[in-house]
């Protein structure tokens, strides 16, 4: 791959800060309450969910333009879960990608668009074979 853009961010753990090299991101980090933390900051799962949802929605726009499909009223929500991985006893991630489509994309047409987007999206390519990603049309 020939890089067109490289994002750079530095973090010092779940109870610290995450800062991008350009200063646009400068966030306190904290364990969510579900993991025993105080929840007084964002966490890596939220950051991953935001990035994945944004990337997937943009990729869906590219696929929709290629297919000549109007997705102006569509939205994408990523739900990123963390839990124990029974394979190695560590932690693992799972994702549910929810696409909310207008009426003309309900059923098979929306499902096909979602699957084509999942095949095209860079985040989906990066996670393929590594974490479970469930696609849901709403």
C-alpha atoms as a PDB file:
ATOM      1  CA  UNK A   1       0.000   0.000   0.000  1.00  0.00           C
ATOM      2  CA  UNK A   2       1.209   3.499  -0.803  1.00  0.00           C
ATOM      3  CA  UNK A   3       0.101   5.713   2.087  1.00  0.00           C
ATOM      4  CA  UNK A   4      -1.844   8.839   1.125  1.00  0.00           C
ATOM      5  CA  UNK A   5      -2.295   9.993   4.717  1.00  0.00           C
ATOM      6  CA  UNK A   6      -1.011   8.817   8.091  1.00  0.00           C
ATOM      7  CA  UNK A   7      -2.797   9.665  11.334  1.00  0.00           C
ATOM      8  CA  UNK A   8      -0.622   9.827  14.434  1.00  0.00           C
ATOM      9  CA  UNK A   9      -1.888   9.656  18.012  1.00  0.00           C
ATOM     10  CA  UNK A  10      -0.246   8.959  21.331  1.00  0.00           C
ATOM     11  CA  UNK A  11      -1.855   7.480  24.448  1.00  0.00           C
ATOM     12  CA  UNK A  12      -0.564   6.348  27.802  1.00  0.00           C
ATOM     13  CA  UNK A  13      -3.201   3.801  28.783  1.00  0.00           C
ATOM     14  CA  UNK A  14      -6.868   3.583  29.664  1.00  0.00           C
ATOM     15  CA  UNK A  15      -6.445   5.993  32.592  1.00  0.00           C
ATOM     16  CA  UNK A  16      -4.524   8.716  30.780  1.00  0.00           C
ATOM     17  CA  UNK A  17      -4.897  10.845  27.659  1.00  0.00           C
ATOM     18  CA  UNK A  18      -5.092  10.331  23.916  1.00  0.00           C
ATOM     19  CA  UNK A  19      -3.620  13.113  21.799  1.00  0.00           C
ATOM     20  CA  UNK A  20      -3.318  13.387  18.026  1.00  0.00           C
ATOM     21  CA  UNK A  21      -0.195  14.889  16.506  1.00  0.00           C
ATOM     22  CA  UNK A  22      -2.185  17.803  15.071  1.00  0.00           C
ATOM     23  CA  UNK A  23      -3.909  18.530  18.405  1.00  0.00           C
ATOM     24  CA  UNK A  24      -7.450  17.960  17.109  1.00  0.00           C
ATOM     25  CA  UNK A  25      -7.848  15.076  19.519  1.00  0.00           C
ATOM     26  CA  UNK A  26      -6.880  15.637  23.130  1.00  0.00           C
ATOM     27  CA  UNK A  27      -9.067  13.486  25.338  1.00  0.00           C
ATOM     28  CA  UNK A  28      -8.981  12.151  28.865  1.00  0.00           C
ATOM     29  CA  UNK A  29      -9.217   8.361  28.927  1.00  0.00           C
ATOM     30  CA  UNK A  30     -10.904   6.260  31.598  1.00  0.00           C
ATOM     31  CA  UNK A  31     -12.138   2.719  32.082  1.00  0.00           C
ATOM     32  CA  UNK A  32     -15.883   2.557  31.527  1.00  0.00           C
ATOM     33  CA  UNK A  33     -17.911   1.783  34.633  1.00  0.00           C
ATOM     34  CA  UNK A  34     -18.677  -1.675  33.225  1.00  0.00           C
ATOM     35  CA  UNK A  35     -14.946  -2.436  33.473  1.00  0.00           C
ATOM     36  CA  UNK A  36     -14.616  -1.069  36.988  1.00  0.00           C
ATOM     37  CA  UNK A  37     -13.679   2.486  36.117  1.00  0.00           C
ATOM     38  CA  UNK A  38     -15.219   5.825  36.925  1.00  0.00           C
ATOM     39  CA  UNK A  39     -16.310   6.477  33.320  1.00  0.00           C
ATOM     40  CA  UNK A  40     -14.991  10.047  33.517  1.00  0.00           C
ATOM     41  CA  UNK A  41     -13.331   9.928  30.103  1.00  0.00           C
ATOM     42  CA  UNK A  42     -13.641   8.263  26.765  1.00  0.00           C
ATOM     43  CA  UNK A  43     -12.237   4.807  26.104  1.00  0.00           C
ATOM     44  CA  UNK A  44     -10.635   2.952  23.189  1.00  0.00           C
ATOM     45  CA  UNK A  45     -13.871   1.164  22.319  1.00  0.00           C
ATOM     46  CA  UNK A  46     -15.709   4.478  21.879  1.00  0.00           C
ATOM     47  CA  UNK A  47     -12.897   5.845  19.743  1.00  0.00           C
ATOM     48  CA  UNK A  48     -12.855   2.700  17.609  1.00  0.00           C
ATOM     49  CA  UNK A  49     -16.669   2.803  17.257  1.00  0.00           C
ATOM     50  CA  UNK A  50     -16.572   6.434  16.114  1.00  0.00           C
ATOM     51  CA  UNK A  51     -13.793   5.785  13.621  1.00  0.00           C
ATOM     52  CA  UNK A  52     -15.373   2.618  12.253  1.00  0.00           C
ATOM     53  CA  UNK A  53     -18.829   4.228  11.898  1.00  0.00           C
ATOM     54  CA  UNK A  54     -17.381   7.255  10.087  1.00  0.00           C
ATOM     55  CA  UNK A  55     -15.232   5.150   7.775  1.00  0.00           C
ATOM     56  CA  UNK A  56     -18.072   2.717   7.034  1.00  0.00           C
ATOM     57  CA  UNK A  57     -20.517   5.549   6.274  1.00  0.00           C
ATOM     58  CA  UNK A  58     -18.007   7.148   3.896  1.00  0.00           C
ATOM     59  CA  UNK A  59     -17.316   3.811   2.219  1.00  0.00           C
ATOM     60  CA  UNK A  60     -21.065   3.280   1.856  1.00  0.00           C
ATOM     61  CA  UNK A  61     -21.254   6.640   0.088  1.00  0.00           C
ATOM     62  CA  UNK A  62     -18.630   5.512  -2.424  1.00  0.00           C
ATOM     63  CA  UNK A  63     -20.378   2.178  -3.036  1.00  0.00           C
ATOM     64  CA  UNK A  64     -23.781   3.881  -3.320  1.00  0.00           C
ATOM     65  CA  UNK A  65     -22.475   6.370  -5.891  1.00  0.00           C
ATOM     66  CA  UNK A  66     -21.008   3.507  -7.923  1.00  0.00           C
ATOM     67  CA  UNK A  67     -24.372   1.712  -7.753  1.00  0.00           C
ATOM     68  CA  UNK A  68     -26.336   4.950  -8.351  1.00  0.00           C
ATOM     69  CA  UNK A  69     -28.215   4.579  -5.056  1.00  0.00           C
ATOM     70  CA  UNK A  70     -29.442   7.540  -3.007  1.00  0.00           C
ATOM     71  CA  UNK A  71     -28.340   7.164   0.621  1.00  0.00           C
ATOM     72  CA  UNK A  72     -28.830  10.786   1.684  1.00  0.00           C
ATOM     73  CA  UNK A  73     -31.082   9.707   4.580  1.00  0.00           C
ATOM     74  CA  UNK A  74     -28.913   6.785   5.718  1.00  0.00           C
ATOM     75  CA  UNK A  75     -26.826   6.604   8.880  1.00  0.00           C
ATOM     76  CA  UNK A  76     -24.395   4.107  10.382  1.00  0.00           C
ATOM     77  CA  UNK A  77     -23.924   3.207  14.045  1.00  0.00           C
ATOM     78  CA  UNK A  78     -21.064   1.021  15.252  1.00  0.00           C
ATOM     79  CA  UNK A  79     -21.418  -0.858  18.524  1.00  0.00           C
ATOM     80  CA  UNK A  80     -18.030  -2.068  19.753  1.00  0.00           C
ATOM     81  CA  UNK A  81     -18.038  -4.584  22.586  1.00  0.00           C
ATOM     82  CA  UNK A  82     -15.094  -5.821  24.624  1.00  0.00           C
ATOM     83  CA  UNK A  83     -15.108  -9.081  26.528  1.00  0.00           C
ATOM     84  CA  UNK A  84     -13.106 -12.090  27.543  1.00  0.00           C
ATOM     85  CA  UNK A  85     -11.707 -14.102  24.644  1.00  0.00           C
ATOM     86  CA  UNK A  86     -12.129 -17.797  25.507  1.00  0.00           C
ATOM     87  CA  UNK A  87      -9.422 -18.734  23.003  1.00  0.00           C
ATOM     88  CA  UNK A  88      -6.592 -17.181  24.999  1.00  0.00           C
ATOM     89  CA  UNK A  89      -8.127 -15.817  28.213  1.00  0.00           C
ATOM     90  CA  UNK A  90      -7.372 -12.222  27.187  1.00  0.00           C
ATOM     91  CA  UNK A  91      -9.791  -9.668  25.820  1.00  0.00           C
ATOM     92  CA  UNK A  92     -11.383  -9.493  22.393  1.00  0.00           C
ATOM     93  CA  UNK A  93     -13.663  -7.187  20.452  1.00  0.00           C
ATOM     94  CA  UNK A  94     -16.901  -7.670  18.551  1.00  0.00           C
ATOM     95  CA  UNK A  95     -18.750  -5.136  16.397  1.00  0.00           C
ATOM     96  CA  UNK A  96     -22.345  -4.665  15.313  1.00  0.00           C
ATOM     97  CA  UNK A  97     -22.682  -2.288  12.357  1.00  0.00           C
ATOM     98  CA  UNK A  98     -26.219  -0.896  12.178  1.00  0.00           C
ATOM     99  CA  UNK A  99     -27.324   0.897   9.036  1.00  0.00           C
ATOM    100  CA  UNK A 100     -30.507   2.895   9.200  1.00  0.00           C
ATOM    101  CA  UNK A 101     -31.865   3.187   5.667  1.00  0.00           C
ATOM    102  CA  UNK A 102     -34.752   5.039   4.039  1.00  0.00           C
ATOM    103  CA  UNK A 103     -37.720   2.980   2.845  1.00  0.00           C
ATOM    104  CA  UNK A 104     -36.336   2.325  -0.653  1.00  0.00           C
ATOM    105  CA  UNK A 105     -33.393   0.434   0.885  1.00  0.00           C
ATOM    106  CA  UNK A 106     -35.311  -1.779   3.276  1.00  0.00           C
ATOM    107  CA  UNK A 107     -34.932  -5.521   2.789  1.00  0.00           C
ATOM    108  CA  UNK A 108     -32.637  -7.057   0.203  1.00  0.00           C
ATOM    109  CA  UNK A 109     -31.447  -3.832  -1.426  1.00  0.00           C
ATOM    110  CA  UNK A 110     -30.152  -2.458   1.866  1.00  0.00           C
ATOM    111  CA  UNK A 111     -28.606  -5.774   2.856  1.00  0.00           C
ATOM    112  CA  UNK A 112     -26.754  -5.977  -0.476  1.00  0.00           C
ATOM    113  CA  UNK A 113     -25.464  -2.415  -0.073  1.00  0.00           C
ATOM    114  CA  UNK A 114     -24.317  -3.195   3.478  1.00  0.00           C
ATOM    115  CA  UNK A 115     -22.445  -6.325   2.368  1.00  0.00           C
ATOM    116  CA  UNK A 116     -20.766  -4.509  -0.541  1.00  0.00           C
ATOM    117  CA  UNK A 117     -19.749  -1.720   1.836  1.00  0.00           C
ATOM    118  CA  UNK A 118     -18.348  -4.247   4.312  1.00  0.00           C
ATOM    119  CA  UNK A 119     -16.222  -5.729   1.516  1.00  0.00           C
ATOM    120  CA  UNK A 120     -14.952  -2.243   0.539  1.00  0.00           C
ATOM    121  CA  UNK A 121     -14.483  -0.384   3.856  1.00  0.00           C
ATOM    122  CA  UNK A 122     -10.842  -0.125   5.061  1.00  0.00           C
ATOM    123  CA  UNK A 123     -11.838  -0.738   8.704  1.00  0.00           C
ATOM    124  CA  UNK A 124     -13.793  -3.827   7.666  1.00  0.00           C
ATOM    125  CA  UNK A 125     -10.801  -5.071   5.713  1.00  0.00           C
ATOM    126  CA  UNK A 126      -8.557  -4.511   8.742  1.00  0.00           C
ATOM    127  CA  UNK A 127     -10.859  -6.418  11.084  1.00  0.00           C
ATOM    128  CA  UNK A 128     -11.820  -9.244   8.712  1.00  0.00           C
ATOM    129  CA  UNK A 129     -10.860 -12.580  10.217  1.00  0.00           C
ATOM    130  CA  UNK A 130      -9.832 -10.903  13.478  1.00  0.00           C
ATOM    131  CA  UNK A 131     -13.108  -9.913  15.119  1.00  0.00           C
ATOM    132  CA  UNK A 132     -16.755 -10.769  14.578  1.00  0.00           C
ATOM    133  CA  UNK A 133     -18.639  -8.029  12.721  1.00  0.00           C
ATOM    134  CA  UNK A 134     -22.407  -8.373  12.492  1.00  0.00           C
ATOM    135  CA  UNK A 135     -24.253  -6.332   9.839  1.00  0.00           C
ATOM    136  CA  UNK A 136     -27.764  -5.128  10.698  1.00  0.00           C
ATOM    137  CA  UNK A 137     -30.207  -3.252   8.443  1.00  0.00           C
ATOM    138  CA  UNK A 138     -32.709  -1.078  10.292  1.00  0.00           C
END
